Amino acid sequence: MTEPDSDLQSLANILHELGHDIKQPVRGIRNYVQYLSEDYADHFDEKGKDMLDTLERLSLQIEAYVSSMLDGAYGDEDLDMEDVDLNEVLQSVQELLRPQIQDTKAEIVVADNLPAIRTNRSQLSRVFLNLIANALKYNNSDTPRVEITLNPEPSDSATFECCVKDNGIGISESEIHSIFKPSVRLNAIGTVPGLGIGLTLTRLAVAKLGGRIWAESTPDLGTTMRFTIPMC
């Protein structure tokens, strides 16, 4: 992995502190859900019980993503690698983003027969979560569409190349090289809420996995985010 620049290292240090502050209330939500499930189960019908199960599962996933954010700070520690089914990762990410997907009436299209990749599950999930969330957020289409594929002919044959393509507002050529820098807010999306660190976090996670990330975009037509993962 390449050495981080000073901006990324400063952001990683901030996230390390912020992550601990986030985990406590999320854990509290999960504890209350468990309390309701155990002590008030008779007050819920089957649909209500299913909703409680979903809340508990989502809170666990949020805790896992926050933990991966803490682990994403640059350092010499090794990540736990395992065979990760891309289909399972993307299903989990879509469940986390379900409210946003439903609100925008978006269509998420995942390529058939995606393989298992030996990598770190939490970091990879974080990458897809940020990229898909961005694709939905910066999209004025009546029907936002996000396609997730693997490039069958990557530029580096020793890597997997993942692609996340959207039909959103796009990014101008003059701005596209700045989007991975911390707190950069592009002119076209200045009214969209956020801290402007989502793609920086994504770059941090991809770098931690030993890959690289870049964007290809046409204003008003959409953006394709590409990132690589080394074959282990």
Protein backbone atom coordinates (compact mmCIF):
# COMPACT_ATOMS: atom_id res chain seq x y z
CA MET A 1 0.00 0.00 0.00
CA THR A 2 1.26 3.44 -0.83
CA GLU A 3 1.99 5.96 1.92
CA PRO A 4 -0.96 8.24 2.70
CA ASP A 5 -0.74 11.97 2.16
CA SER A 6 -0.98 14.27 5.17
CA ASP A 7 -4.63 15.18 4.48
CA LEU A 8 -5.66 11.53 4.51
CA GLN A 9 -3.71 10.82 7.67
CA SER A 10 -5.30 13.80 9.44
CA LEU A 11 -8.73 12.62 8.35
CA ALA A 12 -7.98 9.11 9.56
CA ASN A 13 -7.07 10.46 12.99
CA ILE A 14 -10.32 12.44 13.19
CA LEU A 15 -12.35 9.42 12.10
CA HIS A 16 -10.71 7.30 14.76
CA GLU A 17 -12.12 9.62 17.44
CA LEU A 18 -15.46 10.13 15.70
CA GLY A 19 -16.01 6.41 15.22
CA HIS A 20 -15.91 5.73 18.95
CA ASP A 21 -18.52 8.45 19.52
CA ILE A 22 -20.83 6.92 16.90
CA LYS A 23 -20.60 3.34 18.15
CA GLN A 24 -22.02 4.11 21.60
CA PRO A 25 -25.51 5.34 20.52
CA VAL A 26 -25.74 2.65 17.84
CA ARG A 27 -25.03 0.02 20.47
CA GLY A 28 -27.71 1.65 22.64
CA ILE A 29 -30.26 1.33 19.83
CA ARG A 30 -29.43 -2.34 19.46
CA ASN A 31 -29.81 -2.92 23.20
CA TYR A 32 -33.26 -1.30 23.19
CA VAL A 33 -34.31 -3.42 20.20
CA GLN A 34 -33.21 -6.56 22.03
CA TYR A 35 -35.11 -5.41 25.13
CA LEU A 36 -38.30 -4.89 23.11
CA SER A 37 -37.88 -8.25 21.38
CA GLU A 38 -37.40 -10.15 24.63
CA ASP A 39 -39.73 -8.37 27.07
CA TYR A 40 -42.50 -7.09 24.80
CA ALA A 41 -42.64 -9.80 22.16
CA ASP A 42 -46.34 -10.45 22.84
CA HIS A 43 -47.17 -6.86 21.85
CA PHE A 44 -45.92 -7.28 18.27
CA ASP A 45 -47.49 -9.13 15.37
CA GLU A 46 -45.30 -11.02 12.90
CA LYS A 47 -44.68 -7.91 10.80
CA GLY A 48 -43.60 -5.97 13.89
CA LYS A 49 -41.26 -8.77 14.95
CA ASP A 50 -39.74 -8.84 11.46
CA MET A 51 -39.16 -5.08 11.69
CA LEU A 52 -37.42 -5.47 15.05
CA ASP A 53 -35.23 -8.21 13.59
CA THR A 54 -34.35 -5.90 10.71
CA LEU A 55 -33.50 -3.05 13.10
CA GLU A 56 -31.22 -5.31 15.10
CA ARG A 57 -29.52 -6.62 11.97
CA LEU A 58 -29.01 -3.11 10.59
CA SER A 59 -27.59 -1.84 13.89
CA LEU A 60 -25.09 -4.70 13.87
CA GLN A 61 -24.12 -3.83 10.31
CA ILE A 62 -23.68 -0.16 11.21
CA GLU A 63 -21.42 -1.16 14.10
CA ALA A 64 -19.41 -3.31 11.71
CA TYR A 65 -19.03 -0.46 9.23
CA VAL A 66 -17.97 1.95 11.97
CA SER A 67 -15.44 -0.63 13.15
CA SER A 68 -14.11 -0.88 9.62
CA MET A 69 -13.82 2.92 9.57
CA LEU A 70 -11.68 2.73 12.70
CA ASP A 71 -9.61 -0.06 11.17
CA GLY A 72 -9.29 1.99 7.99
CA ALA A 73 -6.84 4.43 9.54
CA TYR A 74 -3.48 4.03 7.86
CA GLY A 75 -1.04 1.84 9.68
CA ASP A 76 1.08 -1.25 9.37
CA GLU A 77 -1.47 -3.66 10.81
CA ASP A 78 -2.68 -6.40 8.49
CA LEU A 79 -6.33 -6.73 7.55
CA ASP A 80 -8.13 -10.03 8.02
CA MET A 81 -8.53 -11.53 4.56
CA GLU A 82 -11.18 -14.05 3.58
CA ASP A 83 -13.06 -15.27 0.53
CA VAL A 84 -15.80 -12.66 0.14
CA ASP A 85 -18.86 -13.29 -2.03
CA LEU A 86 -19.53 -10.02 -3.87
CA ASN A 87 -23.22 -10.88 -4.20
CA GLU A 88 -23.59 -11.19 -0.41
CA VAL A 89 -21.73 -7.93 0.17
CA LEU A 90 -23.94 -6.06 -2.28
CA GLN A 91 -27.13 -7.53 -0.81
CA SER A 92 -26.06 -6.33 2.63
CA VAL A 93 -25.21 -2.86 1.33
CA GLN A 94 -28.54 -2.57 -0.46
CA GLU A 95 -30.35 -3.48 2.75
CA LEU A 96 -28.56 -0.67 4.57
CA LEU A 97 -29.48 1.74 1.77
CA ARG A 98 -33.05 0.47 1.40
CA PRO A 99 -34.72 3.72 2.63
CA GLN A 100 -32.67 5.81 0.20
CA ILE A 101 -33.32 3.37 -2.64
CA GLN A 102 -37.06 3.40 -1.97
CA ASP A 103 -37.25 7.19 -1.54
CA THR A 104 -35.52 7.81 -4.87
CA LYS A 105 -37.26 4.91 -6.66
CA ALA A 106 -33.80 3.82 -7.76
CA GLU A 107 -32.92 0.72 -9.72
CA ILE A 108 -29.83 -1.16 -8.53
CA VAL A 109 -28.54 -3.57 -11.16
CA VAL A 110 -25.93 -6.12 -10.11
CA ALA A 111 -24.17 -8.22 -12.72
CA ASP A 112 -24.90 -11.94 -12.70
CA ASN A 113 -22.51 -14.48 -11.22
CA LEU A 114 -20.12 -12.12 -9.49
CA PRO A 115 -17.22 -14.11 -8.02
CA ALA A 116 -15.84 -14.48 -4.55
CA ILE A 117 -12.75 -12.33 -3.97
CA ARG A 118 -10.13 -12.82 -1.29
CA THR A 119 -10.13 -9.49 0.50
CA ASN A 120 -11.34 -7.76 3.66
CA ARG A 121 -15.14 -7.86 3.88
CA SER A 122 -15.64 -4.73 6.00
CA GLN A 123 -13.43 -2.47 3.90
CA LEU A 124 -14.96 -3.71 0.64
CA SER A 125 -18.47 -3.21 2.02
CA ARG A 126 -17.57 0.33 2.98
CA VAL A 127 -16.36 1.06 -0.54
CA PHE A 128 -19.58 -0.17 -2.15
CA LEU A 129 -21.72 1.56 0.48
CA ASN A 130 -20.12 4.95 -0.15
CA LEU A 131 -20.11 4.63 -3.94
CA ILE A 132 -23.73 3.51 -4.24
CA ALA A 133 -24.91 6.11 -1.70
CA ASN A 134 -23.13 8.84 -3.68
CA ALA A 135 -24.61 7.59 -6.93
CA LEU A 136 -28.10 7.96 -5.44
CA LYS A 137 -27.44 11.28 -3.72
CA TYR A 138 -26.04 13.09 -6.76
CA ASN A 139 -28.76 12.09 -9.18
CA ASN A 140 -31.61 14.18 -10.59
CA SER A 141 -33.08 11.42 -12.73
CA ASP A 142 -36.70 10.39 -12.23
CA THR A 143 -35.40 6.83 -11.99
CA PRO A 144 -31.83 6.73 -10.69
CA ARG A 145 -29.97 3.69 -11.96
CA VAL A 146 -26.80 2.20 -10.52
CA GLU A 147 -25.01 -0.69 -12.22
CA ILE A 148 -22.36 -2.79 -10.47
CA THR A 149 -20.13 -4.92 -12.68
CA LEU A 150 -16.63 -6.33 -12.99
CA ASN A 151 -14.48 -5.29 -15.92
CA PRO A 152 -13.73 -8.54 -17.80
CA GLU A 153 -10.53 -7.01 -19.21
CA PRO A 154 -8.90 -4.95 -16.43
CA SER A 155 -5.86 -2.86 -17.28
CA ASP A 156 -3.89 -4.87 -14.72
CA SER A 157 -4.45 -8.61 -15.11
CA ALA A 158 -3.37 -9.17 -11.49
CA THR A 159 -6.40 -7.29 -10.15
CA PHE A 160 -10.16 -7.37 -10.11
CA GLU A 161 -11.63 -4.12 -11.43
CA CYS A 162 -15.03 -3.25 -9.97
CA CYS A 163 -17.26 -0.65 -11.64
CA VAL A 164 -20.13 1.37 -10.17
CA LYS A 165 -21.92 3.27 -12.93
CA ASP A 166 -24.77 5.75 -12.48
CA ASN A 167 -26.98 8.03 -14.58
CA GLY A 168 -26.53 10.99 -12.27
CA ILE A 169 -25.48 14.61 -12.71
CA GLY A 170 -21.89 13.78 -13.61
CA ILE A 171 -18.69 15.66 -12.82
CA SER A 172 -16.92 18.24 -14.95
CA GLU A 173 -13.45 17.53 -16.32
CA SER A 174 -12.00 20.42 -14.32
CA GLU A 175 -13.30 18.99 -11.03
CA ILE A 176 -12.94 15.26 -11.45
CA HIS A 177 -9.34 15.14 -10.19
CA SER A 178 -10.34 16.80 -6.89
CA ILE A 179 -13.22 14.57 -5.82
CA PHE A 180 -11.13 12.27 -3.61
CA LYS A 181 -9.63 15.11 -1.58
CA PRO A 182 -11.01 15.76 1.93
CA SER A 183 -13.88 18.27 2.26
CA VAL A 184 -14.01 19.10 -1.45
CA ARG A 185 -17.51 20.28 -2.43
CA LEU A 186 -18.06 20.52 -6.16
CA ASN A 187 -19.89 23.50 -7.62
CA ALA A 188 -22.62 21.37 -9.18
CA ILE A 189 -23.48 19.69 -5.88
CA GLY A 190 -22.88 22.45 -3.38
CA THR A 191 -26.47 22.33 -2.12
CA VAL A 192 -26.34 18.61 -1.31
CA PRO A 193 -25.89 18.04 2.44
CA GLY A 194 -22.78 16.29 3.69
CA LEU A 195 -19.23 16.81 4.88
CA GLY A 196 -17.56 16.10 1.56
CA ILE A 197 -15.50 13.19 2.90
CA GLY A 198 -17.37 10.18 1.47
CA LEU A 199 -15.05 9.66 -1.49
CA THR A 200 -12.02 10.37 0.67
CA LEU A 201 -13.14 7.55 2.97
CA THR A 202 -13.59 5.37 -0.09
CA ARG A 203 -10.10 6.18 -1.32
CA LEU A 204 -8.79 5.37 2.16
CA ALA A 205 -10.50 1.96 2.16
CA VAL A 206 -9.38 1.07 -1.37
CA ALA A 207 -5.80 2.02 -0.53
CA LYS A 208 -6.00 -0.13 2.59
CA LEU A 209 -7.00 -3.05 0.36
CA GLY A 210 -3.98 -2.40 -1.84
CA GLY A 211 -5.93 -1.06 -4.80
CA ARG A 212 -6.60 2.25 -6.49
CA ILE A 213 -9.73 4.17 -7.44
CA TRP A 214 -10.57 6.64 -10.19
CA ALA A 215 -13.59 8.18 -11.89
CA GLU A 216 -14.83 8.65 -15.45
CA SER A 217 -17.68 11.09 -15.95
CA THR A 218 -19.71 13.16 -18.38
CA PRO A 219 -21.76 16.07 -16.99
CA ASP A 220 -25.53 15.41 -17.11
CA LEU A 221 -24.98 11.81 -18.23
CA GLY A 222 -23.44 10.09 -15.24
CA THR A 223 -20.30 8.80 -13.60
CA THR A 224 -18.47 5.49 -13.49
CA MET A 225 -16.34 4.82 -10.44
CA ARG A 226 -13.69 2.15 -10.93
CA PHE A 227 -11.52 0.55 -8.28
CA THR A 228 -9.14 -2.37 -8.22
CA ILE A 229 -8.55 -5.16 -5.73
CA PRO A 230 -5.38 -7.26 -5.97
CA MET A 231 -5.80 -10.96 -6.63
CA CYS A 232 -4.40 -12.76 -3.59
